[in-house]
Amino acid sequence: MAASSSQDEITIVLIGCGCPLRSMGWYHATQILHGRCPPAAKLRYVVEPFYMTALGANVDPVGHGKFMEWKAVVETEHDVQFFASTKDVPVDDKQNRLAIISARTSDNPMLFEGCVKDIGAKTIFLEKPGAPTVTELEQMANLAMEHGCRVFMGFNKNVSSYLTRARNYAQGKSCEITFLHNNNYKTDELSECFERNSEGMLKNMAIHELAILVTYYGVTVETIAEVEADTSFSSCQTLQGPSSGKEFTDFDKLKFKITASNGNVVNVAADRCGGDDSVAIVTDATSGEELVRYVMPDEDAVNNIPTLKDKTPGAMPYFYAQDPDYLELKRLVVQSCLDGSDPEGVATIEIAINTLKVAEYLTPILQEQLKSK
């Protein structure tokens, strides 16, 4: 059993590591184990409910093999304990526990309950979108409140420099901002992407941009006055998942404009096969002329990508591109665990609930607009 932590240590329990090089949970663990997070953050336990069961070994034997190889190294070199269930994690009331949940969205409600009831997490870092439905996310928020557990969300773009710079530039000017989010999937990888992210693009990939709209532009379901899809950019298709054989319908590209009742006009675009970056593009509201654009990763982050590739070769490209923001988000949450402060810019579960409501509201509207193009 791992030793009890000191008063200034934050014991991290990672829930949902996933496949090395491909899953966000694995990258969270990698940043912590490489000593890049605040010194107070100590990864002590990993709960992997998929690969540490017969289901994971049977459904994804290649991923299972990679995970087990990684697990053997981490157990030996970092003294981390691995479990298949939150119920198996040793109880220790002396530890200030931060649970990082980075599992499949459909599993999150059950795993979230385990973090609150089984492992005694005092703070939870929940990866977006948090849950498959608004109702489930609201139930999770109520459970956390009942147990005095704070919940922050993994919307890393909320603390990104490109967002801050674009908002500062646009302030007081007659202009519009387009938040463009690119992923680097190949066309023949989209079926696996649709299956693994079966909650859909707006609840998965573009949820970051919707969180920005909710946090900074006053967008909620109640304040949306108009939404219009850019049909020349957007595409929706149905593909067969390679593991399950089931069909999944989703956007592979999408762009739309939201006009809010408070007068704010914001554009969101997402492209699964568009590259590695995210861009904030500021245009003149009258002429449409581009005034300036800010990119994530910025120059410093780009210059650091070769170093990251040397340390973790073969990882998903967006891990390298968004590495500084993942670090900053964990830094803010860990500091909050230490001093009880409200981390500036970090989305709460309440913001996530409103964001998920917007995603659920927009999906059928945009799908219908594309059908009628």
Protein backbone atom coordinates (compact mmCIF):
# COMPACT_ATOMS: atom_id res chain seq x y z
CA MET A 1 0.00 0.00 0.00
CA ALA A 2 1.26 3.47 -0.91
CA ALA A 3 2.32 5.58 2.04
CA SER A 4 0.09 8.36 3.32
CA SER A 5 0.95 11.71 1.81
CA SER A 6 2.21 14.76 3.65
CA GLN A 7 0.12 17.89 4.15
CA ASP A 8 1.66 19.56 1.10
CA GLU A 9 1.21 16.57 -1.26
CA ILE A 10 -1.72 16.16 -3.61
CA THR A 11 -2.33 12.46 -4.20
CA ILE A 12 -3.49 11.96 -7.75
CA VAL A 13 -5.72 9.08 -8.74
CA LEU A 14 -5.95 8.78 -12.52
CA ILE A 15 -9.20 7.22 -13.69
CA GLY A 16 -8.97 5.98 -17.25
CA CYS A 17 -5.45 5.85 -18.62
CA GLY A 18 -6.37 4.38 -21.98
CA CYS A 19 -3.96 3.39 -24.71
CA PRO A 20 -0.42 4.81 -24.47
CA LEU A 21 0.37 7.42 -27.15
CA ARG A 22 -3.33 7.83 -28.05
CA SER A 23 -5.36 8.58 -24.92
CA MET A 24 -5.58 11.80 -22.93
CA GLY A 25 -5.40 9.95 -19.62
CA TRP A 26 -2.04 8.49 -20.58
CA TYR A 27 -0.75 11.96 -21.45
CA HIS A 28 -1.90 13.37 -18.11
CA ALA A 29 0.04 10.58 -16.42
CA THR A 30 3.09 11.19 -18.60
CA GLN A 31 3.27 14.89 -17.74
CA ILE A 32 3.03 14.10 -14.03
CA LEU A 33 5.51 11.22 -14.07
CA HIS A 34 8.03 13.30 -16.03
CA GLY A 35 8.02 15.80 -13.16
CA ARG A 36 6.53 18.60 -15.24
CA CYS A 37 3.57 19.32 -12.96
CA PRO A 38 3.86 21.10 -9.59
CA PRO A 39 6.05 19.10 -7.17
CA ALA A 40 3.05 18.63 -4.88
CA ALA A 41 1.32 16.48 -7.51
CA LYS A 42 2.10 12.79 -6.99
CA LEU A 43 0.55 10.09 -9.14
CA ARG A 44 -0.08 7.23 -6.72
CA TYR A 45 -2.91 5.23 -8.30
CA VAL A 46 -4.24 4.44 -11.77
CA VAL A 47 -7.69 2.95 -12.30
CA GLU A 48 -8.03 1.48 -15.80
CA PRO A 49 -11.48 -0.14 -16.13
CA PHE A 50 -11.04 -1.25 -19.75
CA TYR A 51 -7.57 -2.66 -20.38
CA MET A 52 -7.33 -4.31 -16.96
CA THR A 53 -10.33 -6.50 -17.73
CA ALA A 54 -10.94 -9.38 -20.15
CA LEU A 55 -13.10 -7.03 -22.24
CA GLY A 56 -10.19 -4.76 -23.07
CA ALA A 57 -7.88 -7.66 -23.85
CA ASN A 58 -10.44 -9.20 -26.20
CA VAL A 59 -11.75 -6.08 -27.93
CA ASP A 60 -8.41 -4.28 -28.38
CA PRO A 61 -5.53 -6.74 -27.94
CA VAL A 62 -2.98 -4.37 -29.48
CA GLY A 63 -3.94 -1.50 -27.18
CA HIS A 64 -4.08 -3.90 -24.23
CA GLY A 65 -0.54 -5.07 -24.95
CA LYS A 66 0.78 -1.50 -25.14
CA PHE A 67 -0.96 -0.60 -21.89
CA MET A 68 0.41 -3.62 -20.03
CA GLU A 69 3.96 -2.83 -21.18
CA TRP A 70 3.60 0.76 -19.97
CA LYS A 71 2.03 -0.39 -16.71
CA ALA A 72 5.01 -2.67 -15.94
CA VAL A 73 7.45 0.22 -16.38
CA VAL A 74 5.42 2.68 -14.29
CA GLU A 75 4.90 0.20 -11.46
CA THR A 76 8.62 -0.48 -11.28
CA GLU A 77 10.06 2.98 -11.81
CA HIS A 78 7.43 5.19 -10.14
CA ASP A 79 5.78 2.98 -7.49
CA VAL A 80 2.29 3.55 -8.91
CA GLN A 81 -0.47 1.07 -8.08
CA PHE A 82 -2.94 -0.08 -10.76
CA PHE A 83 -6.53 -1.22 -10.31
CA ALA A 84 -9.50 -2.17 -12.48
CA SER A 85 -12.07 -0.47 -10.23
CA THR A 86 -12.32 2.52 -7.91
CA LYS A 87 -13.54 0.10 -5.24
CA ASP A 88 -10.08 -1.49 -5.15
CA VAL A 89 -8.15 1.72 -4.43
CA PRO A 90 -6.90 1.76 -0.80
CA VAL A 91 -8.77 4.21 1.43
CA ASP A 92 -6.63 6.82 3.19
CA ASP A 93 -8.35 9.79 4.84
CA LYS A 94 -4.98 11.47 5.40
CA GLN A 95 -4.45 11.98 1.67
CA ASN A 96 -5.64 15.10 -0.13
CA ARG A 97 -6.86 13.28 -3.22
CA LEU A 98 -7.34 14.75 -6.67
CA ALA A 99 -9.07 12.42 -9.10
CA ILE A 100 -8.41 12.98 -12.80
CA ILE A 101 -11.15 11.30 -14.83
CA SER A 102 -10.18 10.78 -18.46
CA ALA A 103 -12.21 7.75 -19.48
CA ARG A 104 -14.77 7.20 -22.21
CA THR A 105 -17.61 9.66 -21.78
CA SER A 106 -20.21 6.90 -21.45
CA ASP A 107 -18.36 5.47 -18.42
CA ASN A 108 -17.89 8.80 -16.62
CA PRO A 109 -21.06 8.88 -14.47
CA MET A 110 -20.24 5.51 -12.88
CA LEU A 111 -16.55 6.35 -12.46
CA PHE A 112 -17.40 9.79 -11.05
CA GLU A 113 -19.58 8.18 -8.38
CA GLY A 114 -16.71 5.85 -7.54
CA CYS A 115 -14.34 8.79 -7.13
CA VAL A 116 -16.70 10.50 -4.71
CA LYS A 117 -17.85 7.46 -2.72
CA ASP A 118 -15.00 4.93 -3.01
CA ILE A 119 -11.72 6.83 -3.13
CA GLY A 120 -12.69 9.94 -1.16
CA ALA A 121 -11.66 12.49 -3.77
CA LYS A 122 -11.87 16.05 -2.42
CA THR A 123 -11.40 17.52 -5.90
CA ILE A 124 -12.16 16.07 -9.33
CA PHE A 125 -10.62 17.11 -12.64
CA LEU A 126 -13.16 15.84 -15.16
CA GLU A 127 -12.31 15.69 -18.84
CA LYS A 128 -14.79 17.17 -21.27
CA PRO A 129 -17.67 16.83 -21.95
CA GLY A 130 -18.06 15.10 -18.56
CA ALA A 131 -21.06 12.90 -19.32
CA PRO A 132 -23.14 11.73 -22.30
CA THR A 133 -26.18 13.84 -21.33
CA VAL A 134 -27.05 16.98 -19.44
CA THR A 135 -29.19 15.01 -17.00
CA GLU A 136 -26.29 12.76 -16.03
CA LEU A 137 -23.92 15.70 -15.63
CA GLU A 138 -26.43 17.49 -13.41
CA GLN A 139 -26.76 14.36 -11.26
CA MET A 140 -22.97 14.22 -10.95
CA ALA A 141 -22.85 17.87 -9.89
CA ASN A 142 -25.48 17.23 -7.22
CA LEU A 143 -23.58 14.19 -5.93
CA ALA A 144 -20.37 16.19 -5.67
CA MET A 145 -22.15 18.97 -3.80
CA GLU A 146 -23.62 16.50 -1.32
CA HIS A 147 -20.16 15.16 -0.53
CA GLY A 148 -18.33 18.50 -0.50
CA CYS A 149 -16.28 17.63 -3.58
CA ARG A 150 -15.22 20.37 -6.00
CA VAL A 151 -15.28 19.62 -9.74
CA PHE A 152 -13.22 21.35 -12.42
CA MET A 153 -13.30 20.58 -16.12
CA GLY A 154 -10.57 19.81 -18.62
CA PHE A 155 -11.35 22.68 -20.97
CA ASN A 156 -7.71 23.60 -21.53
CA LYS A 157 -8.44 26.29 -24.11
CA ASN A 158 -10.08 28.40 -21.40
CA VAL A 159 -6.57 29.17 -20.13
CA SER A 160 -4.79 29.35 -23.51
CA SER A 161 -2.80 32.40 -24.58
CA TYR A 162 -4.31 32.46 -28.07
CA LEU A 163 -7.78 32.95 -26.58
CA THR A 164 -6.66 35.75 -24.28
CA ARG A 165 -4.82 37.57 -27.06
CA ALA A 166 -7.76 37.35 -29.47
CA ARG A 167 -10.25 38.61 -26.88
CA ASN A 168 -7.98 41.47 -25.89
CA TYR A 169 -7.47 42.50 -29.53
CA ALA A 170 -11.20 42.41 -30.32
CA GLN A 171 -12.25 44.39 -27.26
CA GLY A 172 -13.94 47.65 -28.26
CA LYS A 173 -13.67 46.92 -32.00
CA SER A 174 -16.38 46.14 -34.54
CA CYS A 175 -15.25 42.64 -35.40
CA GLU A 176 -16.06 38.95 -35.25
CA ILE A 177 -13.99 36.04 -33.97
CA THR A 178 -13.87 32.56 -35.46
CA PHE A 179 -12.52 29.81 -33.24
CA LEU A 180 -11.16 27.07 -35.50
CA HIS A 181 -10.22 23.68 -34.03
CA ASN A 182 -8.23 21.20 -36.14
CA ASN A 183 -7.44 17.54 -35.54
CA ASN A 184 -4.91 15.49 -37.49
CA TYR A 185 -6.85 12.33 -38.31
CA LYS A 186 -6.41 10.73 -41.72
CA THR A 187 -9.55 10.07 -43.72
CA ASP A 188 -9.25 6.31 -43.24
CA GLU A 189 -9.06 6.84 -39.45
CA LEU A 190 -12.41 8.63 -39.18
CA SER A 191 -14.43 5.47 -38.56
CA GLU A 192 -12.34 4.68 -35.47
CA CYS A 193 -12.57 8.33 -34.42
CA PHE A 194 -16.37 8.36 -34.76
CA GLU A 195 -16.64 5.15 -32.74
CA ARG A 196 -14.24 6.18 -29.95
CA ASN A 197 -15.85 9.62 -29.70
CA SER A 198 -19.38 8.39 -30.18
CA GLU A 199 -20.88 11.31 -28.25
CA GLY A 200 -20.29 13.33 -31.42
CA MET A 201 -18.14 16.27 -32.54
CA LEU A 202 -20.04 18.96 -30.65
CA LYS A 203 -19.86 17.00 -27.38
CA ASN A 204 -16.26 15.99 -27.96
CA MET A 205 -13.98 18.00 -30.22
CA ALA A 206 -15.82 21.33 -30.53
CA ILE A 207 -16.95 21.23 -26.90
CA HIS A 208 -13.83 23.29 -26.09
CA GLU A 209 -15.00 26.11 -28.33
CA LEU A 210 -18.55 25.91 -26.96
CA ALA A 211 -17.11 26.22 -23.45
CA ILE A 212 -15.34 29.40 -24.56
CA LEU A 213 -18.67 30.75 -25.83
CA VAL A 214 -20.42 29.89 -22.56
CA THR A 215 -17.63 31.23 -20.34
CA TYR A 216 -16.73 34.44 -22.13
CA TYR A 217 -19.57 35.38 -24.52
CA GLY A 218 -22.72 34.71 -22.50
CA VAL A 219 -23.95 31.94 -24.82
CA THR A 220 -26.50 29.52 -23.36
CA VAL A 221 -29.44 27.68 -24.88
CA GLU A 222 -31.66 30.48 -23.60
CA THR A 223 -29.55 33.27 -25.14
CA ILE A 224 -29.02 31.80 -28.62
CA ALA A 225 -30.97 34.02 -31.01
CA GLU A 226 -29.77 32.46 -34.25
CA VAL A 227 -27.48 29.69 -35.48
CA GLU A 228 -26.39 29.24 -39.10
CA ALA A 229 -24.25 26.47 -40.56
CA ASP A 230 -21.66 27.24 -43.23
CA THR A 231 -22.68 24.49 -45.63
CA SER A 232 -19.73 25.13 -47.95
CA PHE A 233 -17.32 24.09 -45.18
CA SER A 234 -19.36 21.49 -43.29
CA SER A 235 -19.74 17.74 -43.84
CA CYS A 236 -21.66 15.01 -42.00
CA GLN A 237 -21.35 11.29 -42.73
CA THR A 238 -22.18 7.83 -41.37
CA LEU A 239 -19.32 5.36 -40.84
CA GLN A 240 -19.01 1.85 -39.44
CA GLY A 241 -17.00 1.50 -36.24
CA PRO A 242 -14.12 -0.99 -36.64
CA SER A 243 -14.53 -2.55 -33.18
CA SER A 244 -18.30 -2.74 -32.74
CA GLY A 245 -19.47 -2.84 -36.35
CA LYS A 246 -22.13 -0.28 -35.45
CA GLU A 247 -22.85 2.79 -37.56
CA PHE A 248 -21.97 6.26 -36.24
CA THR A 249 -23.21 9.50 -37.78
CA ASP A 250 -21.16 12.60 -37.07
CA PHE A 251 -19.61 15.73 -38.54
CA ASP A 252 -16.11 15.36 -39.93
CA LYS A 253 -16.08 19.12 -40.67
CA LEU A 254 -18.35 21.80 -39.28
CA LYS A 255 -18.59 25.58 -39.22
CA PHE A 256 -21.40 27.70 -37.83
CA LYS A 257 -22.21 31.19 -36.59
CA ILE A 258 -24.02 31.91 -33.33
CA THR A 259 -25.77 35.19 -32.64
CA ALA A 260 -26.65 35.69 -28.99
CA SER A 261 -29.41 37.86 -27.58
CA ASN A 262 -26.77 40.06 -25.92
CA GLY A 263 -25.46 41.01 -29.37
CA ASN A 264 -22.36 38.82 -29.38
CA VAL A 265 -21.64 37.10 -32.70
CA VAL A 266 -19.11 34.24 -32.69
CA ASN A 267 -18.12 31.63 -35.27
CA VAL A 268 -17.00 28.09 -34.48
CA ALA A 269 -15.27 25.74 -36.91
CA ALA A 270 -13.87 22.22 -36.47
CA ASP A 271 -12.11 19.87 -38.87
CA ARG A 272 -11.15 16.32 -37.88
CA CYS A 273 -8.59 16.15 -40.70
CA GLY A 274 -7.45 19.78 -40.69
CA GLY A 275 -4.07 19.62 -38.93
CA ASP A 276 -2.63 20.03 -35.45
CA ASP A 277 -3.57 23.55 -34.44
CA SER A 278 -6.37 25.75 -33.15
CA VAL A 279 -6.80 29.29 -34.44
CA ALA A 280 -8.62 32.43 -33.33
CA ILE A 281 -9.29 34.54 -36.42
CA VAL A 282 -10.46 38.13 -35.93
CA THR A 283 -12.26 39.72 -38.91
CA ASP A 284 -13.84 43.10 -39.57
CA ALA A 285 -17.57 42.81 -38.85
CA THR A 286 -18.53 44.81 -41.96
CA SER A 287 -16.05 43.82 -44.68
CA GLY A 288 -15.10 40.36 -43.42
CA GLU A 289 -11.44 41.26 -43.90
CA GLU A 290 -9.09 39.33 -41.65
CA LEU A 291 -7.45 41.63 -39.13
CA VAL A 292 -5.31 39.23 -37.12
CA ARG A 293 -5.05 35.57 -36.14
CA TYR A 294 -3.60 33.87 -33.09
CA VAL A 295 -2.57 30.23 -33.16
CA MET A 296 -2.35 27.49 -30.58
CA PRO A 297 0.36 26.26 -30.28
CA ASP A 298 2.17 29.58 -30.22
CA GLU A 299 5.80 30.01 -31.25
CA ASP A 300 7.23 28.89 -27.92
CA ALA A 301 5.09 25.77 -27.89
CA VAL A 302 6.01 24.94 -31.50
CA ASN A 303 9.71 25.27 -30.70
CA ASN A 304 9.26 22.80 -27.84
CA ILE A 305 7.49 20.14 -29.93
CA PRO A 306 10.73 18.41 -31.05
CA THR A 307 11.73 18.01 -27.40
CA LEU A 308 8.34 16.51 -26.56
CA LYS A 309 8.56 14.15 -29.54
CA ASP A 310 11.96 12.96 -28.35
CA LYS A 311 10.56 12.22 -24.88
CA THR A 312 7.33 10.58 -26.08
CA PRO A 313 7.74 9.63 -29.75
CA GLY A 314 4.67 8.57 -31.67
CA ALA A 315 2.02 10.29 -29.55
CA MET A 316 -1.06 11.98 -31.01
CA PRO A 317 0.09 15.31 -32.51
CA TYR A 318 -2.42 17.39 -30.54
CA PHE A 319 -0.76 16.31 -27.27
CA TYR A 320 2.41 18.12 -28.35
CA ALA A 321 0.50 21.13 -29.67
CA GLN A 322 -1.59 21.63 -26.53
CA ASP A 323 1.02 20.50 -24.02
CA PRO A 324 1.49 23.91 -22.29
CA ASP A 325 -2.24 24.31 -21.73
CA TYR A 326 -2.65 20.82 -20.27
CA LEU A 327 0.16 21.67 -17.87
CA GLU A 328 -1.27 25.06 -16.95
CA LEU A 329 -4.70 23.58 -16.25
CA LYS A 330 -3.28 20.93 -13.92
CA ARG A 331 -1.06 23.53 -12.25
CA LEU A 332 -4.06 25.72 -11.46
CA VAL A 333 -6.12 22.80 -10.15
CA VAL A 334 -3.27 21.43 -8.00
CA GLN A 335 -2.69 24.88 -6.53
CA SER A 336 -6.40 25.09 -5.78
CA CYS A 337 -6.17 21.75 -3.97
CA LEU A 338 -3.38 23.16 -1.82
CA ASP A 339 -4.90 26.51 -0.86
CA GLY A 340 -8.63 26.21 -1.63
CA SER A 341 -8.54 29.06 -4.14
CA ASP A 342 -10.80 29.40 -7.18
CA PRO A 343 -8.50 28.79 -10.17
CA GLU A 344 -8.84 31.67 -12.62
CA GLY A 345 -10.19 30.70 -16.03
CA VAL A 346 -10.78 27.04 -15.14
CA ALA A 347 -14.28 25.87 -16.05
CA THR A 348 -16.49 24.46 -13.32
CA ILE A 349 -18.99 21.65 -13.72
CA GLU A 350 -21.73 24.30 -13.85
CA ILE A 351 -20.12 25.79 -16.97
CA ALA A 352 -19.84 22.27 -18.37
CA ILE A 353 -23.56 21.69 -17.85
CA ASN A 354 -24.46 24.82 -19.83
CA THR A 355 -21.90 23.88 -22.49
CA LEU A 356 -23.33 20.39 -22.88
CA LYS A 357 -26.84 21.85 -23.12
CA VAL A 358 -25.65 24.03 -26.00
CA ALA A 359 -24.04 21.02 -27.73
CA GLU A 360 -27.22 18.96 -27.43
CA TYR A 361 -29.32 21.87 -28.66
CA LEU A 362 -27.14 22.63 -31.69
CA THR A 363 -26.47 19.11 -32.99
CA PRO A 364 -29.90 18.35 -34.53
CA ILE A 365 -30.28 21.92 -35.80
CA LEU A 366 -26.95 21.82 -37.65
CA GLN A 367 -27.52 18.30 -38.95
CA GLU A 368 -30.86 19.41 -40.38
CA GLN A 369 -29.34 22.49 -42.00
CA LEU A 370 -26.74 20.30 -43.72
CA LYS A 371 -29.40 17.85 -44.95
CA SER A 372 -31.31 20.66 -46.60
CA LYS A 373 -28.30 22.25 -48.31
